Amino acid sequence: MKITKLAMSAALVAACFGRAAHAQAPAEASMSDFGYYAAGQAPVTTGAHVHRDHSMVVQAAASEAADEPWTLVQNDPLGIDIGGWAQLGYHTYNNALFNQHADKVNLHQAWLFAEKVADGSEGVGLGGRIDYIYGVDANDTQAFGKGDDHFDNAWDNGIYGHAIPQLYGEIAVGDLSVKVGHFYTLIGYEVVGAPGNFFYSHSYTMYNSEPFTHTGALAQFNAGDGLTLYGGYVMGWDSGFEDNGDAFLGGYSYDLSDSINVTNQYVAGRFGLDEVGFMSSSIITTQLSDYITHVLWVDLLDTDGTGRSTERETFDVNNYLLLTLTDNVTWGNRFEWYNIDKGVYGVTTGKSDIYAFTTGLNYAAGTNLLFRPEVRWDWDKDAVSGLELGSTQTTFGADMIFTF
């Protein structure tokens, strides 16, 4: 039944987009392509809306004279890109948002991936991707959505674990591509993979109100003029190759101008076996100058209140301000307002407001090595968030990412 669902959804997704795909010439690269904001700048990573399924590597000191990054495998055998990264991190207090093991240096992510991009520019192109992670972050990106031990959800080794967060095949024809399998969500700005985020720590929004992965079929169509459309069917949230729901996943990314990108992504339907609802994630990225980038990220989650065992309602606003200081140093600031109405941290009635401000640097020490020190202040009005110190907390954290 699961295989039948995947096959039927892939056919439906392709049919919905296929007619338009044949009517369009190959689209030019849009502002949402990875690397746009970092071009000619220090290592400013872009958001989750930028090819969420592709690895986001650290942007090295971006002068024209910079050396090429070192890679694990040269020349991409058979057109397959093989690489990864290692992330070591330290933080002074736990915040229940990935960073759970304070006062010690942890291997957060030892990550390997292999990918062949499906190229439909000259007809039918085939591709796919697999990702593997080992570290203290692995438990949070396993197929935990059903709460059982299917797929990689039992691959634990104490506080460490293993996970395969992506395993999919892809077919492309012209400007249309469809992937089928297990892949990262479109929802949100932050991602699981460390090089895809500016900060070492994560937001409440990303960790508590958004899916990490899906299994199903997802189409992407480059419509031209800076517009990219997404749409597909997924079997719920955060599960492997077992049915955990029926939902639509899709949206769009559009370049309003050379300096402004708007991305809206949606998921609606049955998120798990006992949760039905709707979620939207809207991101406006503005290049204010050659050296200043602003990101406004707003999420709304509302699941069914008709007596099902799982009900959630949150509204979340994040603001990022990133300032390039030198060729290899960028200063970033993130302010988050996380509003809980119900269903998070065991809160089922009433409301709670959590605020978090993070400031830190990205320092690129060459083309493969990135350091991310930060200071974070959390204030939890109702002390429900799981902060180690209760309602207020100041945390120092830093990590090192080596890409290959």
Protein backbone atom coordinates (compact mmCIF):
# COMPACT_ATOMS: atom_id res chain seq x y z
CA MET A 1 0.00 0.00 0.00
CA LYS A 2 2.84 2.42 0.85
CA ILE A 3 4.58 1.77 -2.49
CA THR A 4 1.27 2.21 -4.31
CA LYS A 5 0.72 5.55 -2.59
CA LEU A 6 4.16 6.76 -3.61
CA ALA A 7 3.74 5.64 -7.22
CA MET A 8 0.29 7.18 -7.56
CA SER A 9 1.36 10.45 -5.96
CA ALA A 10 4.43 10.72 -8.21
CA ALA A 11 2.28 10.21 -11.31
CA LEU A 12 -0.27 12.77 -10.13
CA VAL A 13 2.37 15.37 -9.28
CA ALA A 14 4.09 14.95 -12.64
CA ALA A 15 0.78 15.20 -14.52
CA CYS A 16 -0.19 18.43 -12.74
CA PHE A 17 3.05 20.18 -13.70
CA GLY A 18 3.91 18.39 -16.92
CA ARG A 19 1.87 20.39 -19.41
CA ALA A 20 3.41 23.66 -18.28
CA ALA A 21 6.90 22.18 -18.33
CA HIS A 22 6.80 21.54 -22.06
CA ALA A 23 5.58 25.07 -22.75
CA GLN A 24 8.55 26.80 -21.13
CA ALA A 25 12.11 27.37 -22.23
CA PRO A 26 14.78 26.57 -19.64
CA ALA A 27 14.60 29.21 -16.91
CA GLU A 28 17.52 31.39 -16.01
CA ALA A 29 18.99 31.10 -12.52
CA SER A 30 16.81 33.04 -10.12
CA MET A 31 17.70 35.00 -7.02
CA SER A 32 16.68 31.99 -4.95
CA ASP A 33 19.56 29.93 -6.32
CA PHE A 34 22.10 29.05 -3.62
CA GLY A 35 24.99 31.42 -3.31
CA TYR A 36 23.23 34.56 -4.55
CA TYR A 37 23.38 36.44 -1.27
CA ALA A 38 26.93 35.33 -0.51
CA ALA A 39 28.37 36.19 -3.90
CA GLY A 40 31.36 38.45 -3.38
CA GLN A 41 30.77 38.49 0.36
CA ALA A 42 31.74 36.72 3.55
CA PRO A 43 30.17 33.33 4.38
CA VAL A 44 26.51 34.27 4.70
CA THR A 45 24.43 31.12 4.37
CA THR A 46 21.07 31.36 2.70
CA GLY A 47 17.78 30.01 3.95
CA ALA A 48 15.90 26.77 3.83
CA HIS A 49 13.85 27.86 0.81
CA VAL A 50 16.96 27.64 -1.35
CA HIS A 51 17.08 24.08 -2.67
CA ARG A 52 16.22 22.54 0.69
CA ASP A 53 17.05 19.12 -0.75
CA HIS A 54 20.59 20.09 -1.73
CA SER A 55 23.55 20.40 0.60
CA MET A 56 24.26 23.99 1.60
CA VAL A 57 28.00 24.29 1.92
CA VAL A 58 29.89 27.01 3.73
CA GLN A 59 30.71 30.04 1.60
CA ALA A 60 34.44 30.56 1.99
CA ALA A 61 36.21 33.90 2.04
CA ALA A 62 34.73 35.12 -1.17
CA SER A 63 37.40 37.13 -2.88
CA GLU A 64 38.12 36.32 -6.49
CA ALA A 65 41.58 35.17 -5.49
CA ALA A 66 40.33 32.65 -2.90
CA ASP A 67 41.43 29.04 -3.32
CA GLU A 68 38.90 26.41 -4.33
CA PRO A 69 37.54 24.40 -1.37
CA TRP A 70 39.09 21.00 -0.77
CA THR A 71 36.72 18.13 -1.54
CA LEU A 72 36.72 14.54 -0.37
CA VAL A 73 36.20 13.12 -3.87
CA GLN A 74 37.55 14.85 -6.96
CA ASN A 75 35.94 15.07 -10.40
CA ASP A 76 32.48 13.75 -9.36
CA PRO A 77 32.69 10.13 -10.59
CA LEU A 78 29.76 9.25 -12.89
CA GLY A 79 28.40 12.73 -12.27
CA ILE A 80 27.82 11.98 -8.58
CA ASP A 81 28.73 14.68 -6.07
CA ILE A 82 30.14 13.11 -2.87
CA GLY A 83 30.96 15.19 0.19
CA GLY A 84 29.97 16.20 3.68
CA TRP A 85 31.10 17.98 6.81
CA ALA A 86 32.04 17.51 10.46
CA GLN A 87 30.66 19.79 13.18
CA LEU A 88 32.00 20.06 16.74
CA GLY A 89 30.17 22.30 19.23
CA TYR A 90 30.14 23.51 22.83
CA HIS A 91 27.50 25.42 24.80
CA THR A 92 27.12 26.39 28.44
CA TYR A 93 23.43 25.55 29.01
CA ASN A 94 20.84 23.29 27.42
CA ASN A 95 17.92 24.88 25.57
CA ALA A 96 15.94 21.82 24.38
CA LEU A 97 16.54 22.85 20.74
CA PHE A 98 19.11 20.32 19.45
CA ASN A 99 21.73 21.59 21.93
CA GLN A 100 21.06 19.18 24.79
CA HIS A 101 24.46 18.18 26.20
CA ALA A 102 25.99 21.23 27.85
CA ASP A 103 29.50 21.79 29.20
CA LYS A 104 31.22 19.35 26.88
CA VAL A 105 32.49 19.32 23.33
CA ASN A 106 30.13 17.21 21.24
CA LEU A 107 30.31 15.80 17.74
CA HIS A 108 27.03 17.19 16.50
CA GLN A 109 27.20 16.06 12.89
CA ALA A 110 29.48 13.78 10.94
CA TRP A 111 27.67 14.02 7.61
CA LEU A 112 28.16 12.28 4.28
CA PHE A 113 26.07 12.66 1.14
CA ALA A 114 26.06 11.42 -2.42
CA GLU A 115 23.96 13.20 -5.02
CA LYS A 116 23.35 13.15 -8.75
CA VAL A 117 21.26 16.11 -9.82
CA ALA A 118 18.59 15.24 -12.37
CA ASP A 119 19.29 17.44 -15.40
CA GLY A 120 16.33 17.82 -17.75
CA SER A 121 17.84 20.48 -20.01
CA GLU A 122 18.43 18.00 -22.84
CA GLY A 123 15.52 15.62 -22.36
CA VAL A 124 14.92 13.19 -19.51
CA GLY A 125 17.42 13.32 -16.67
CA LEU A 126 17.69 10.91 -13.73
CA GLY A 127 19.21 11.52 -10.33
CA GLY A 128 18.85 11.04 -6.61
CA ARG A 129 20.42 11.63 -3.24
CA ILE A 130 21.28 9.89 0.02
CA ASP A 131 22.43 11.57 3.26
CA TYR A 132 23.90 9.89 6.34
CA ILE A 133 24.54 11.54 9.71
CA TYR A 134 26.22 10.37 12.92
CA GLY A 135 26.33 12.52 16.05
CA VAL A 136 24.27 13.98 18.88
CA ASP A 137 21.97 15.69 16.34
CA ALA A 138 21.05 12.43 14.61
CA ASN A 139 18.34 11.47 17.10
CA ASP A 140 16.46 14.65 16.20
CA THR A 141 16.44 13.95 12.47
CA GLN A 142 15.49 10.28 12.52
CA ALA A 143 12.05 9.09 11.40
CA PHE A 144 10.51 9.76 14.83
CA GLY A 145 7.10 10.93 13.61
CA LYS A 146 5.25 7.69 14.34
CA GLY A 147 6.99 7.02 17.63
CA ASP A 148 7.94 3.48 16.63
CA ASP A 149 11.24 1.92 15.56
CA HIS A 150 10.75 1.82 11.79
CA PHE A 151 13.43 2.93 9.32
CA ASP A 152 16.26 4.69 11.25
CA ASN A 153 14.39 5.59 14.45
CA ALA A 154 16.10 2.90 16.56
CA TRP A 155 19.65 3.66 15.45
CA ASP A 156 20.77 5.14 18.77
CA ASN A 157 24.09 4.86 20.57
CA GLY A 158 23.56 6.61 23.90
CA ILE A 159 23.35 10.35 23.28
CA TYR A 160 24.76 9.70 19.80
CA GLY A 161 22.91 8.14 16.91
CA HIS A 162 22.72 7.46 13.19
CA ALA A 163 20.15 8.70 10.69
CA ILE A 164 19.41 8.75 6.97
CA PRO A 165 17.43 11.99 6.62
CA GLN A 166 17.27 11.83 2.82
CA LEU A 167 16.92 8.91 0.42
CA TYR A 168 15.16 9.71 -2.84
CA GLY A 169 15.21 9.35 -6.59
CA GLU A 170 14.58 12.20 -9.01
CA ILE A 171 13.52 12.62 -12.64
CA ALA A 172 13.65 15.86 -14.62
CA VAL A 173 12.25 16.96 -17.98
CA GLY A 174 12.90 20.53 -19.05
CA ASP A 175 12.12 22.84 -16.13
CA LEU A 176 10.13 20.20 -14.25
CA SER A 177 11.66 17.80 -11.75
CA VAL A 178 9.97 15.28 -9.46
CA LYS A 179 11.60 13.48 -6.56
CA VAL A 180 10.13 10.41 -4.87
CA GLY A 181 11.27 9.05 -1.52
CA HIS A 182 12.42 10.51 1.79
CA PHE A 183 13.50 14.17 1.73
CA TYR A 184 13.76 17.39 3.74
CA THR A 185 10.73 19.62 4.11
CA LEU A 186 10.22 22.87 2.24
CA ILE A 187 8.90 24.51 5.40
CA GLY A 188 10.91 27.15 7.24
CA TYR A 189 14.18 29.05 7.00
CA GLU A 190 16.52 27.03 9.23
CA VAL A 191 17.65 23.51 8.36
CA VAL A 192 19.10 20.46 10.10
CA GLY A 193 22.42 20.50 8.23
CA ALA A 194 24.83 22.77 10.12
CA PRO A 195 26.34 24.61 7.09
CA GLY A 196 22.87 25.74 6.01
CA ASN A 197 22.37 27.97 9.08
CA PHE A 198 24.04 31.15 10.22
CA PHE A 199 23.83 30.30 13.94
CA TYR A 200 25.01 27.34 16.00
CA SER A 201 21.76 27.33 18.00
CA HIS A 202 18.27 26.90 16.54
CA SER A 203 14.97 28.73 16.91
CA TYR A 204 11.96 27.49 18.86
CA THR A 205 10.01 27.83 15.62
CA MET A 206 12.14 25.38 13.66
CA TYR A 207 12.46 22.77 16.39
CA ASN A 208 8.93 22.71 17.82
CA SER A 209 6.53 23.84 15.09
CA GLU A 210 7.96 22.59 11.80
CA PRO A 211 8.47 19.20 10.17
CA PHE A 212 12.03 18.12 9.41
CA THR A 213 11.45 15.42 6.80
CA HIS A 214 8.72 13.88 4.65
CA THR A 215 8.24 10.77 2.56
CA GLY A 216 6.30 11.11 -0.67
CA ALA A 217 6.57 12.84 -4.04
CA LEU A 218 7.43 16.49 -4.64
CA ALA A 219 7.60 18.45 -7.91
CA GLN A 220 9.56 21.61 -8.62
CA PHE A 221 8.87 23.74 -11.69
CA ASN A 222 10.99 26.71 -12.73
CA ALA A 223 8.36 28.95 -14.31
CA GLY A 224 10.78 31.69 -15.35
CA ASP A 225 11.00 35.36 -14.38
CA GLY A 226 12.25 34.42 -10.91
CA LEU A 227 9.28 32.18 -10.08
CA THR A 228 9.64 28.60 -8.83
CA LEU A 229 6.60 26.47 -7.98
CA TYR A 230 6.47 23.44 -5.66
CA GLY A 231 3.76 20.87 -5.08
CA GLY A 232 3.35 17.28 -3.99
CA TYR A 233 1.96 14.63 -1.70
CA VAL A 234 3.61 13.43 1.53
CA MET A 235 2.77 10.76 4.07
CA GLY A 236 2.68 13.04 7.10
CA TRP A 237 5.60 14.48 9.09
CA ASP A 238 8.96 13.02 10.12
CA SER A 239 8.41 9.39 9.22
CA GLY A 240 10.35 7.03 7.00
CA PHE A 241 8.75 4.66 4.53
CA GLU A 242 5.65 4.02 6.64
CA ASP A 243 2.33 5.83 6.39
CA ASN A 244 2.04 8.65 8.92
CA GLY A 245 -0.63 10.76 7.24
CA ASP A 246 -1.79 12.32 3.98
CA ALA A 247 -0.83 15.91 3.27
CA PHE A 248 -0.18 18.45 0.54
CA LEU A 249 3.26 20.09 0.55
CA GLY A 250 3.96 22.99 -1.77
CA GLY A 251 4.23 26.70 -2.40
CA TYR A 252 6.40 29.09 -4.36
CA SER A 253 9.54 31.21 -4.35
CA TYR A 254 9.50 34.50 -6.26
CA ASP A 255 12.08 37.21 -6.88
CA LEU A 256 10.22 40.50 -6.53
CA SER A 257 13.38 42.30 -7.62
CA ASP A 258 17.13 41.80 -7.78
CA SER A 259 17.25 42.33 -4.02
CA ILE A 260 13.99 40.89 -2.65
CA ASN A 261 12.84 37.27 -2.60
CA VAL A 262 9.48 36.10 -1.22
CA THR A 263 8.94 32.45 -0.38
CA ASN A 264 5.68 30.94 0.86
CA GLN A 265 5.42 27.22 1.61
CA TYR A 266 2.47 25.28 2.96
CA VAL A 267 1.61 21.87 4.35
CA ALA A 268 -2.01 20.86 4.93
CA GLY A 269 -3.75 17.61 5.75
CA ARG A 270 -3.03 14.79 8.18
CA PHE A 271 0.38 15.42 9.78
CA GLY A 272 0.37 12.27 11.90
CA LEU A 273 -1.99 9.47 12.76
CA ASP A 274 -3.77 11.71 15.30
CA GLU A 275 -3.18 15.25 14.04
CA VAL A 276 -4.88 17.17 11.23
CA GLY A 277 -4.29 20.77 10.30
CA PHE A 278 -2.53 23.46 8.33
CA MET A 279 0.83 25.21 8.44
CA SER A 280 2.28 28.11 6.47
CA SER A 281 5.80 29.49 6.44
CA SER A 282 6.54 32.85 4.82
CA ILE A 283 10.04 34.25 4.29
CA ILE A 284 11.01 37.65 2.87
CA THR A 285 14.73 37.99 2.21
CA THR A 286 15.98 41.48 1.39
CA GLN A 287 19.49 42.42 0.31
CA LEU A 288 19.54 45.91 1.81
CA SER A 289 23.03 46.63 0.49
CA ASP A 290 26.13 44.77 -0.63
CA TYR A 291 26.88 44.18 3.05
CA ILE A 292 23.52 43.93 4.83
CA THR A 293 20.83 41.21 4.53
CA HIS A 294 17.50 41.11 6.37
CA VAL A 295 15.23 38.07 6.69
CA LEU A 296 11.66 38.14 8.00
CA TRP A 297 10.33 34.64 8.72
CA VAL A 298 6.75 34.09 9.91
CA ASP A 299 5.14 30.70 10.68
CA LEU A 300 1.58 29.77 11.57
CA LEU A 301 0.63 26.27 12.78
CA ASP A 302 -2.95 25.27 13.61
CA THR A 303 -4.06 21.67 14.01
CA ASP A 304 -7.50 20.24 14.60
CA GLY A 305 -9.32 21.04 17.84
CA THR A 306 -12.04 18.39 17.56
CA GLY A 307 -10.79 16.17 20.36
CA ARG A 308 -7.88 14.40 18.71
CA SER A 309 -5.04 13.56 21.05
CA THR A 310 -2.61 15.95 19.34
CA GLU A 311 -3.54 19.62 18.94
CA ARG A 312 -1.10 22.47 18.37
CA GLU A 313 -1.41 26.16 17.72
CA THR A 314 1.62 28.46 17.45
CA PHE A 315 2.47 31.76 15.80
CA ASP A 316 6.12 32.63 15.35
CA VAL A 317 8.11 35.61 14.06
CA ASN A 318 11.88 35.60 13.44
CA ASN A 319 14.01 38.50 12.25
CA TYR A 320 17.55 38.00 10.97
CA LEU A 321 19.98 40.86 10.30
CA LEU A 322 23.32 39.83 8.75
CA LEU A 323 26.16 42.31 8.27
CA THR A 324 29.33 41.59 6.34
CA LEU A 325 32.30 43.08 8.22
CA THR A 326 35.24 41.78 6.19
CA ASP A 327 35.84 39.28 3.40
CA ASN A 328 35.69 36.42 5.90
CA VAL A 329 33.73 37.76 8.91
CA THR A 330 29.96 38.28 9.11
CA TRP A 331 28.02 39.47 12.16
CA GLY A 332 24.51 38.10 12.60
CA ASN A 333 21.55 38.87 14.87
CA ARG A 334 18.34 36.89 15.32
CA PHE A 335 15.30 37.94 17.35
CA GLU A 336 12.44 35.47 17.83
CA TRP A 337 8.96 35.82 19.26
CA TYR A 338 7.44 32.37 19.76
CA ASN A 339 3.77 32.40 20.74
CA ILE A 340 2.20 29.18 22.03
CA ASP A 341 -1.54 28.81 22.29
CA LYS A 342 -1.63 25.07 22.88
CA GLY A 343 0.04 21.77 22.26
CA VAL A 344 3.75 22.55 22.81
CA TYR A 345 5.77 21.56 25.90
CA GLY A 346 2.61 20.00 27.27
CA VAL A 347 0.75 23.32 27.32
CA THR A 348 -2.85 22.55 26.38
CA THR A 349 -4.70 25.65 27.60
CA GLY A 350 -3.89 29.33 27.78
CA LYS A 351 -1.00 31.05 26.05
CA SER A 352 2.72 31.44 26.51
CA ASP A 353 5.22 33.83 24.93
CA ILE A 354 8.91 33.05 24.55
CA TYR A 355 11.51 35.55 23.34
CA ALA A 356 15.05 34.79 22.23
CA PHE A 357 17.83 37.05 20.97
CA THR A 358 21.04 35.63 19.49
CA THR A 359 24.08 37.52 18.29
CA GLY A 360 27.21 35.96 16.84
CA LEU A 361 29.86 35.82 14.17
CA ASN A 362 30.69 33.60 11.21
CA TYR A 363 34.45 33.49 10.69
CA ALA A 364 35.74 31.63 7.63
CA ALA A 365 39.30 30.41 8.29
CA GLY A 366 40.05 29.46 4.72
CA THR A 367 37.77 27.74 2.24
CA ASN A 368 36.70 24.70 4.30
CA LEU A 369 36.65 25.81 7.94
CA LEU A 370 33.98 27.94 9.62
CA PHE A 371 33.75 29.10 13.26
CA ARG A 372 30.41 30.29 14.71
CA PRO A 373 30.64 31.81 18.24
CA GLU A 374 27.42 33.25 19.67
CA VAL A 375 25.71 34.59 22.79
CA ARG A 376 22.01 33.87 23.28
CA TRP A 377 19.43 35.31 25.69
CA ASP A 378 16.14 33.44 26.27
CA TRP A 379 13.15 34.74 28.21
CA ASP A 380 10.20 32.40 28.74
CA LYS A 381 7.23 34.22 30.24
CA ASP A 382 5.58 31.08 31.66
CA ALA A 383 8.66 28.86 32.18
CA VAL A 384 7.38 26.06 29.92
CA SER A 385 10.21 25.81 27.40
CA GLY A 386 12.58 23.42 29.14
CA LEU A 387 15.36 25.96 29.64
CA GLU A 388 17.93 24.63 32.07
CA LEU A 389 17.75 27.75 34.28
CA GLY A 390 13.97 28.22 34.21
CA SER A 391 12.37 31.35 32.76
CA THR A 392 15.55 33.27 31.77
CA GLN A 393 18.88 32.05 30.48
CA THR A 394 22.08 33.42 28.95
CA THR A 395 24.04 30.88 26.92
CA PHE A 396 27.41 31.02 25.23
CA GLY A 397 27.94 28.60 22.36
CA ALA A 398 30.44 28.02 19.60
CA ASP A 399 31.03 25.42 16.95
CA MET A 400 33.44 24.56 14.15
CA ILE A 401 32.39 23.16 10.78
CA PHE A 402 34.82 21.52 8.40
CA THR A 403 33.38 20.81 4.95
CA PHE A 404 34.77 18.35 2.45
